[in-house]
C-alpha atoms as a PDB file:
ATOM      1  CA  MET A   1    -150.877 166.009-136.607  1.00  0.00           C
ATOM      2  CA  THR A   2    -149.337 168.201-134.492  1.00  0.00           C
ATOM      3  CA  GLN A   3    -148.920 167.662-130.768  1.00  0.00           C
ATOM      4  CA  LYS A   4    -147.242 171.183-129.714  1.00  0.00           C
ATOM      5  CA  PRO A   5    -149.576 174.306-127.943  1.00  0.00           C
ATOM      6  CA  THR A   6    -150.763 175.751-130.352  1.00  0.00           C
ATOM      7  CA  VAL A   7    -151.316 179.573-130.482  1.00  0.00           C
ATOM      8  CA  VAL A   8    -154.257 180.559-133.440  1.00  0.00           C
ATOM      9  CA  PHE A   9    -154.245 184.927-134.982  1.00  0.00           C
ATOM     10  CA  ASP A  10    -156.849 185.871-137.687  1.00  0.00           C
ATOM     11  CA  PHE A  11    -155.277 188.052-139.147  1.00  0.00           C
ATOM     12  CA  ASP A  12    -157.229 191.312-140.781  1.00  0.00           C
ATOM     13  CA  GLY A  13    -158.126 193.915-137.814  1.00  0.00           C
ATOM     14  CA  THR A  14    -156.484 191.138-135.438  1.00  0.00           C
ATOM     15  CA  ILE A  15    -152.491 191.138-137.072  1.00  0.00           C
ATOM     16  CA  ILE A  16    -153.269 194.146-139.392  1.00  0.00           C
ATOM     17  CA  PRO A  17    -155.993 196.542-139.643  1.00  0.00           C
ATOM     18  CA  LYS A  18    -157.943 196.160-143.118  1.00  0.00           C
ATOM     19  CA  ASP A  19    -159.371 193.568-145.245  1.00  0.00           C
ATOM     20  CA  SER A  20    -156.560 192.404-147.329  1.00  0.00           C
ATOM     21  CA  TYR A  21    -158.649 190.474-149.529  1.00  0.00           C
ATOM     22  CA  TYR A  22    -161.289 193.302-149.724  1.00  0.00           C
ATOM     23  CA  ASP A  23    -159.167 195.686-151.019  1.00  0.00           C
ATOM     24  CA  PHE A  24    -157.236 193.535-153.299  1.00  0.00           C
ATOM     25  CA  THR A  25    -160.437 193.480-154.693  1.00  0.00           C
ATOM     26  CA  LYS A  26    -161.506 196.604-154.873  1.00  0.00           C
ATOM     27  CA  ARG A  27    -158.377 197.464-156.753  1.00  0.00           C
ATOM     28  CA  LEU A  28    -158.343 194.683-159.132  1.00  0.00           C
ATOM     29  CA  ILE A  29    -162.172 196.367-160.251  1.00  0.00           C
ATOM     30  CA  SER A  30    -161.472 200.244-159.178  1.00  0.00           C
ATOM     31  CA  LYS A  31    -158.953 200.361-162.750  1.00  0.00           C
ATOM     32  CA  SER A  32    -161.450 199.135-164.685  1.00  0.00           C
ATOM     33  CA  PHE A  33    -164.979 201.381-165.715  1.00  0.00           C
ATOM     34  CA  PHE A  34    -166.291 198.186-166.310  1.00  0.00           C
ATOM     35  CA  ARG A  35    -165.526 196.277-163.810  1.00  0.00           C
ATOM     36  CA  VAL A  36    -167.031 199.088-161.665  1.00  0.00           C
ATOM     37  CA  PHE A  37    -170.191 198.970-163.308  1.00  0.00           C
ATOM     38  CA  LEU A  38    -170.602 195.181-162.866  1.00  0.00           C
ATOM     39  CA  ASN A  39    -170.106 195.315-159.651  1.00  0.00           C
ATOM     40  CA  ILE A  40    -172.569 198.012-159.102  1.00  0.00           C
ATOM     41  CA  LEU A  41    -175.247 195.954-160.787  1.00  0.00           C
ATOM     42  CA  CYS A  42    -174.391 193.383-158.932  1.00  0.00           C
ATOM     43  CA  LEU A  43    -174.714 194.993-155.833  1.00  0.00           C
ATOM     44  CA  PRO A  44    -178.449 193.834-155.094  1.00  0.00           C
ATOM     45  CA  LEU A  45    -178.075 189.841-155.717  1.00  0.00           C
ATOM     46  CA  ILE A  46    -174.114 190.004-153.874  1.00  0.00           C
ATOM     47  CA  VAL A  47    -175.827 192.080-150.147  1.00  0.00           C
ATOM     48  CA  PRO A  48    -178.637 189.459-149.487  1.00  0.00           C
ATOM     49  CA  LEU A  49    -176.064 186.598-150.383  1.00  0.00           C
ATOM     50  CA  VAL A  50    -173.065 187.851-147.834  1.00  0.00           C
ATOM     51  CA  CYS A  51    -175.484 188.504-145.585  1.00  0.00           C
ATOM     52  CA  ILE A  52    -176.758 184.491-145.068  1.00  0.00           C
ATOM     53  CA  PRO A  53    -174.333 182.225-143.758  1.00  0.00           C
ATOM     54  CA  PRO A  54    -174.889 179.346-146.442  1.00  0.00           C
ATOM     55  CA  THR A  55    -173.998 182.000-149.091  1.00  0.00           C
ATOM     56  CA  ARG A  56    -172.134 183.787-148.196  1.00  0.00           C
ATOM     57  CA  LYS A  57    -168.986 182.510-150.192  1.00  0.00           C
ATOM     58  CA  TRP A  58    -171.059 183.018-153.467  1.00  0.00           C
ATOM     59  CA  GLY A  59    -171.881 186.828-152.348  1.00  0.00           C
ATOM     60  CA  PHE A  60    -168.236 187.135-151.895  1.00  0.00           C
ATOM     61  CA  SER A  61    -167.541 185.486-154.994  1.00  0.00           C
ATOM     62  CA  ILE A  62    -169.270 187.637-157.428  1.00  0.00           C
ATOM     63  CA  PRO A  63    -167.096 190.921-156.775  1.00  0.00           C
ATOM     64  CA  CYS A  64    -163.915 188.482-156.395  1.00  0.00           C
ATOM     65  CA  PHE A  65    -164.602 186.663-160.344  1.00  0.00           C
ATOM     66  CA  LEU A  66    -165.337 190.560-161.336  1.00  0.00           C
ATOM     67  CA  ALA A  67    -161.860 191.540-160.029  1.00  0.00           C
ATOM     68  CA  THR A  68    -160.480 188.359-161.536  1.00  0.00           C
ATOM     69  CA  VAL A  69    -162.316 187.392-164.713  1.00  0.00           C
ATOM     70  CA  LEU A  70    -160.309 188.010-168.643  1.00  0.00           C
ATOM     71  CA  GLN A  71    -157.281 190.148-166.492  1.00  0.00           C
ATOM     72  CA  SER A  72    -154.395 190.771-168.816  1.00  0.00           C
ATOM     73  CA  SER A  73    -151.760 189.476-165.822  1.00  0.00           C
ATOM     74  CA  SER A  74    -151.293 186.763-163.821  1.00  0.00           C
ATOM     75  CA  LEU A  75    -152.868 186.495-160.581  1.00  0.00           C
ATOM     76  CA  PHE A  76    -148.916 186.043-159.685  1.00  0.00           C
ATOM     77  CA  LYS A  77    -147.794 188.949-161.256  1.00  0.00           C
ATOM     78  CA  LEU A  78    -151.255 190.860-159.626  1.00  0.00           C
ATOM     79  CA  ARG A  79    -150.876 189.772-156.446  1.00  0.00           C
ATOM     80  CA  LYS A  80    -146.813 190.891-156.517  1.00  0.00           C
ATOM     81  CA  GLU A  81    -148.318 194.267-157.513  1.00  0.00           C
ATOM     82  CA  PHE A  82    -150.904 194.166-154.870  1.00  0.00           C
ATOM     83  CA  VAL A  83    -148.592 192.695-151.523  1.00  0.00           C
ATOM     84  CA  LYS A  84    -145.883 195.369-153.332  1.00  0.00           C
ATOM     85  CA  TRP A  85    -148.266 198.220-152.966  1.00  0.00           C
ATOM     86  CA  PHE A  86    -150.352 197.093-149.821  1.00  0.00           C
ATOM     87  CA  LEU A  87    -147.944 197.187-147.868  1.00  0.00           C
ATOM     88  CA  LYS A  88    -146.245 200.684-149.134  1.00  0.00           C
ATOM     89  CA  GLU A  89    -149.878 202.109-148.561  1.00  0.00           C
ATOM     90  CA  PRO A  90    -150.097 204.834-145.884  1.00  0.00           C
ATOM     91  CA  ASN A  91    -153.201 203.349-144.342  1.00  0.00           C
ATOM     92  CA  THR A  92    -151.547 199.734-144.090  1.00  0.00           C
ATOM     93  CA  ASN A  93    -150.044 199.386-140.017  1.00  0.00           C
ATOM     94  CA  ILE A  94    -148.784 196.558-139.564  1.00  0.00           C
ATOM     95  CA  TYR A  95    -149.457 196.230-135.286  1.00  0.00           C
ATOM     96  CA  GLN A  96    -145.697 195.587-133.981  1.00  0.00           C
ATOM     97  CA  GLN A  97    -147.166 194.197-130.974  1.00  0.00           C
ATOM     98  CA  ALA A  98    -149.097 191.225-132.893  1.00  0.00           C
ATOM     99  CA  LEU A  99    -145.793 190.552-134.702  1.00  0.00           C
ATOM    100  CA  GLU A 100    -144.103 190.477-131.013  1.00  0.00           C
ATOM    101  CA  ASP A 101    -146.329 188.478-129.660  1.00  0.00           C
ATOM    102  CA  ILE A 102    -146.272 185.171-132.302  1.00  0.00           C
ATOM    103  CA  LYS A 103    -142.022 185.403-131.890  1.00  0.00           C
ATOM    104  CA  ARG A 104    -142.593 185.200-128.195  1.00  0.00           C
ATOM    105  CA  HIS A 105    -145.072 182.038-128.173  1.00  0.00           C
ATOM    106  CA  GLN A 106    -142.855 180.472-130.516  1.00  0.00           C
ATOM    107  CA  SER A 107    -139.616 181.150-128.651  1.00  0.00           C
ATOM    108  CA  GLU A 108    -141.874 179.258-125.957  1.00  0.00           C
ATOM    109  CA  GLY A 109    -142.024 176.638-128.303  1.00  0.00           C
ATOM    110  CA  LYS A 110    -146.271 177.285-128.962  1.00  0.00           C
ATOM    111  CA  GLU A 111    -146.809 176.319-132.502  1.00  0.00           C
ATOM    112  CA  VAL A 112    -148.554 179.607-134.199  1.00  0.00           C
ATOM    113  CA  VAL A 113    -151.266 179.644-136.808  1.00  0.00           C
ATOM    114  CA  ILE A 114    -152.803 182.002-138.731  1.00  0.00           C
ATOM    115  CA  ILE A 115    -156.632 181.810-139.419  1.00  0.00           C
ATOM    116  CA  SER A 116    -158.383 183.739-142.019  1.00  0.00           C
ATOM    117  CA  GLY A 117    -161.039 184.801-144.350  1.00  0.00           C
ATOM    118  CA  CYS A 118    -158.337 186.065-146.368  1.00  0.00           C
ATOM    119  CA  PRO A 119    -157.743 183.314-149.743  1.00  0.00           C
ATOM    120  CA  LYS A 120    -154.484 180.954-148.637  1.00  0.00           C
ATOM    121  CA  TRP A 121    -152.932 181.965-151.777  1.00  0.00           C
ATOM    122  CA  LEU A 122    -152.716 185.872-150.915  1.00  0.00           C
ATOM    123  CA  LEU A 123    -151.999 185.383-147.116  1.00  0.00           C
ATOM    124  CA  GLN A 124    -149.264 183.411-148.125  1.00  0.00           C
ATOM    125  CA  ALA A 125    -147.861 186.291-149.767  1.00  0.00           C
ATOM    126  CA  LEU A 126    -148.728 188.903-147.560  1.00  0.00           C
ATOM    127  CA  VAL A 127    -148.096 186.294-144.144  1.00  0.00           C
ATOM    128  CA  LYS A 128    -143.802 186.003-145.778  1.00  0.00           C
ATOM    129  CA  ALA A 129    -144.028 190.263-146.606  1.00  0.00           C
ATOM    130  CA  ILE A 130    -144.626 191.337-143.331  1.00  0.00           C
ATOM    131  CA  GLY A 131    -141.969 188.964-142.074  1.00  0.00           C
ATOM    132  CA  ILE A 132    -143.357 186.186-140.343  1.00  0.00           C
ATOM    133  CA  ARG A 133    -141.982 182.965-140.289  1.00  0.00           C
ATOM    134  CA  ASN A 134    -142.908 179.490-139.202  1.00  0.00           C
ATOM    135  CA  VAL A 135    -146.506 179.372-138.964  1.00  0.00           C
ATOM    136  CA  GLN A 136    -148.893 177.713-140.296  1.00  0.00           C
ATOM    137  CA  ILE A 137    -151.540 179.673-142.493  1.00  0.00           C
ATOM    138  CA  ILE A 138    -154.964 178.451-143.031  1.00  0.00           C
ATOM    139  CA  GLY A 139    -157.115 180.780-145.508  1.00  0.00           C
ATOM    140  CA  SER A 140    -160.163 180.229-147.855  1.00  0.00           C
ATOM    141  CA  LYS A 141    -159.625 177.855-151.088  1.00  0.00           C
ATOM    142  CA  GLN A 142    -160.575 179.281-154.185  1.00  0.00           C
ATOM    143  CA  LYS A 143    -160.796 178.161-157.521  1.00  0.00           C
ATOM    144  CA  LEU A 144    -160.778 178.908-161.304  1.00  0.00           C
ATOM    145  CA  LEU A 145    -164.405 179.579-163.031  1.00  0.00           C
ATOM    146  CA  LEU A 146    -163.833 181.325-166.973  1.00  0.00           C
ATOM    147  CA  SER A 147    -159.957 182.976-165.856  1.00  0.00           C
ATOM    148  CA  GLY A 148    -162.197 184.580-162.957  1.00  0.00           C
ATOM    149  CA  LEU A 149    -161.714 183.282-159.225  1.00  0.00           C
ATOM    150  CA  VAL A 150    -164.696 181.841-157.064  1.00  0.00           C
ATOM    151  CA  ILE A 151    -164.370 180.556-153.313  1.00  0.00           C
ATOM    152  CA  THR A 152    -164.931 177.221-153.359  1.00  0.00           C
ATOM    153  CA  HIS A 153    -164.589 177.317-149.443  1.00  0.00           C
ATOM    154  CA  HIS A 154    -165.004 180.380-147.370  1.00  0.00           C
ATOM    155  CA  CYS A 155    -162.879 179.888-143.787  1.00  0.00           C
ATOM    156  CA  TYR A 156    -165.084 182.118-141.678  1.00  0.00           C
ATOM    157  CA  GLY A 157    -167.012 181.906-138.361  1.00  0.00           C
ATOM    158  CA  ALA A 158    -167.740 178.045-137.734  1.00  0.00           C
ATOM    159  CA  ASN A 159    -166.120 177.169-140.884  1.00  0.00           C
ATOM    160  CA  LYS A 160    -162.929 178.075-139.753  1.00  0.00           C
ATOM    161  CA  ILE A 161    -163.084 175.383-137.165  1.00  0.00           C
ATOM    162  CA  SER A 162    -163.553 172.388-139.572  1.00  0.00           C
ATOM    163  CA  MET A 163    -160.763 173.960-142.235  1.00  0.00           C
ATOM    164  CA  ALA A 164    -158.290 174.135-139.624  1.00  0.00           C
ATOM    165  CA  THR A 165    -159.051 170.522-138.994  1.00  0.00           C
ATOM    166  CA  GLU A 166    -158.794 169.437-142.387  1.00  0.00           C
ATOM    167  CA  ALA A 167    -155.522 170.573-142.004  1.00  0.00           C
ATOM    168  CA  GLY A 168    -154.359 168.738-139.145  1.00  0.00           C
ATOM    169  CA  GLN A 169    -154.573 170.899-136.667  1.00  0.00           C
ATOM    170  CA  LEU A 170    -156.056 168.974-133.376  1.00  0.00           C
ATOM    171  CA  THR A 171    -158.215 171.947-131.685  1.00  0.00           C
ATOM    172  CA  SER A 172    -157.879 170.517-128.011  1.00  0.00           C
ATOM    173  CA  ASN A 173    -154.803 171.948-128.227  1.00  0.00           C
ATOM    174  CA  TRP A 174    -155.458 175.490-128.874  1.00  0.00           C
ATOM    175  CA  MET A 175    -154.185 177.147-125.722  1.00  0.00           C
ATOM    176  CA  ILE A 176    -154.639 181.306-126.860  1.00  0.00           C
ATOM    177  CA  GLY A 177    -157.141 182.398-130.177  1.00  0.00           C
ATOM    178  CA  TYR A 178    -156.130 186.122-130.509  1.00  0.00           C
ATOM    179  CA  SER A 179    -158.971 188.201-132.195  1.00  0.00           C
ATOM    180  CA  ASP A 180    -160.642 191.361-133.020  1.00  0.00           C
ATOM    181  CA  SER A 181    -164.104 189.665-134.291  1.00  0.00           C
ATOM    182  CA  PRO A 182    -167.408 188.516-132.727  1.00  0.00           C
ATOM    183  CA  THR A 183    -167.486 186.445-135.753  1.00  0.00           C
ATOM    184  CA  ASP A 184    -164.368 184.395-134.569  1.00  0.00           C
ATOM    185  CA  ILE A 185    -166.618 183.601-131.327  1.00  0.00           C
ATOM    186  CA  PRO A 186    -166.591 179.741-132.455  1.00  0.00           C
ATOM    187  CA  MET A 187    -162.872 179.851-132.560  1.00  0.00           C
ATOM    188  CA  LEU A 188    -162.371 181.194-129.871  1.00  0.00           C
ATOM    189  CA  ASN A 189    -164.331 179.134-127.513  1.00  0.00           C
ATOM    190  CA  LEU A 190    -161.880 176.664-128.719  1.00  0.00           C
ATOM    191  CA  CYS A 191    -159.543 178.247-127.249  1.00  0.00           C
ATOM    192  CA  LYS A 192    -158.272 177.593-122.934  1.00  0.00           C
ATOM    193  CA  LYS A 193    -157.962 182.030-123.272  1.00  0.00           C
ATOM    194  CA  ALA A 194    -158.540 184.395-125.931  1.00  0.00           C
ATOM    195  CA  VAL A 195    -157.055 187.941-126.408  1.00  0.00           C
ATOM    196  CA  LEU A 196    -159.342 190.515-127.812  1.00  0.00           C
ATOM    197  CA  ILE A 197    -157.556 192.969-130.029  1.00  0.00           C
ATOM    198  CA  ASN A 198    -159.121 196.460-130.410  1.00  0.00           C
ATOM    199  CA  SER A 199    -162.175 195.538-130.207  1.00  0.00           C
ATOM    200  CA  SER A 200    -165.398 198.197-130.401  1.00  0.00           C
ATOM    201  CA  SER A 201    -168.314 198.422-127.439  1.00  0.00           C
ATOM    202  CA  SER A 202    -170.976 196.654-129.585  1.00  0.00           C
ATOM    203  CA  ALA A 203    -167.523 193.587-130.026  1.00  0.00           C
ATOM    204  CA  SER A 204    -166.962 193.394-126.742  1.00  0.00           C
ATOM    205  CA  ASN A 205    -170.561 193.175-125.707  1.00  0.00           C
ATOM    206  CA  GLN A 206    -170.889 190.316-128.193  1.00  0.00           C
ATOM    207  CA  PHE A 207    -167.872 188.624-126.951  1.00  0.00           C
ATOM    208  CA  LYS A 208    -168.919 189.128-123.210  1.00  0.00           C
ATOM    209  CA  LYS A 209    -172.262 187.271-123.834  1.00  0.00           C
ATOM    210  CA  LYS A 210    -170.651 184.767-126.097  1.00  0.00           C
ATOM    211  CA  LEU A 211    -167.626 183.704-124.839  1.00  0.00           C
ATOM    212  CA  ASN A 212    -167.143 180.922-122.773  1.00  0.00           C
ATOM    213  CA  ILE A 213    -164.105 180.988-121.657  1.00  0.00           C
ATOM    214  CA  SER A 214    -161.617 183.735-120.112  1.00  0.00           C
ATOM    215  CA  TYR A 215    -160.139 186.660-122.046  1.00  0.00           C
ATOM    216  CA  THR A 216    -158.218 189.637-121.755  1.00  0.00           C
ATOM    217  CA  HIS A 217    -158.454 192.863-124.525  1.00  0.00           C
ATOM    218  CA  ARG A 218    -155.327 194.575-125.917  1.00  0.00           C
ATOM    219  CA  THR A 219    -154.987 197.154-127.872  1.00  0.00           C
ATOM    220  CA  TYR A 220    -152.672 196.949-131.085  1.00  0.00           C
ATOM    221  CA  ARG A 221    -151.624 200.024-132.601  1.00  0.00           C
END
């Protein structure tokens, strides 16, 4: 287990302005009319599952499965193609301020951990391609089911804490937490202070009501 003072970063919306795994599944589904059709048929099931925390991982697993099942290319080839496309896509803007903050914390001797709902196998490739080095990566876990991926452990909300603990993190060492989302309040409340990224007025109100630590707002572009 780490003994260093630690800084934790969310990924989607904090280091990049997009939902990386949503774009991954959307891109794969959109290439096939049949996959699009099946996804539309499943929407009445997906929506209520996603809205309830105990079943959220199953709601997200359905489009994951539809996007990846019976693909002619391997998942690692699909990942490589996606990362290349994602980083060249005009609306993908890596927040340079986030990269600078990560490097600054590392130069000060802190450990940096990226904790995201994005599956770890995809998150690792994205973090590497962006140029972030020497960080611990914690993401959602998946398994293969009939050649398609489903989520087994969703790294979301309070689950980020249990998955970080399982990965060997000592939350007592968490000094600063960076996030754009109120869903990360359980994680942020274990830090000494929080840095809230590009918060909307609605998100700011939730942070104000539920954060029990000192915090500052930052704008990343």
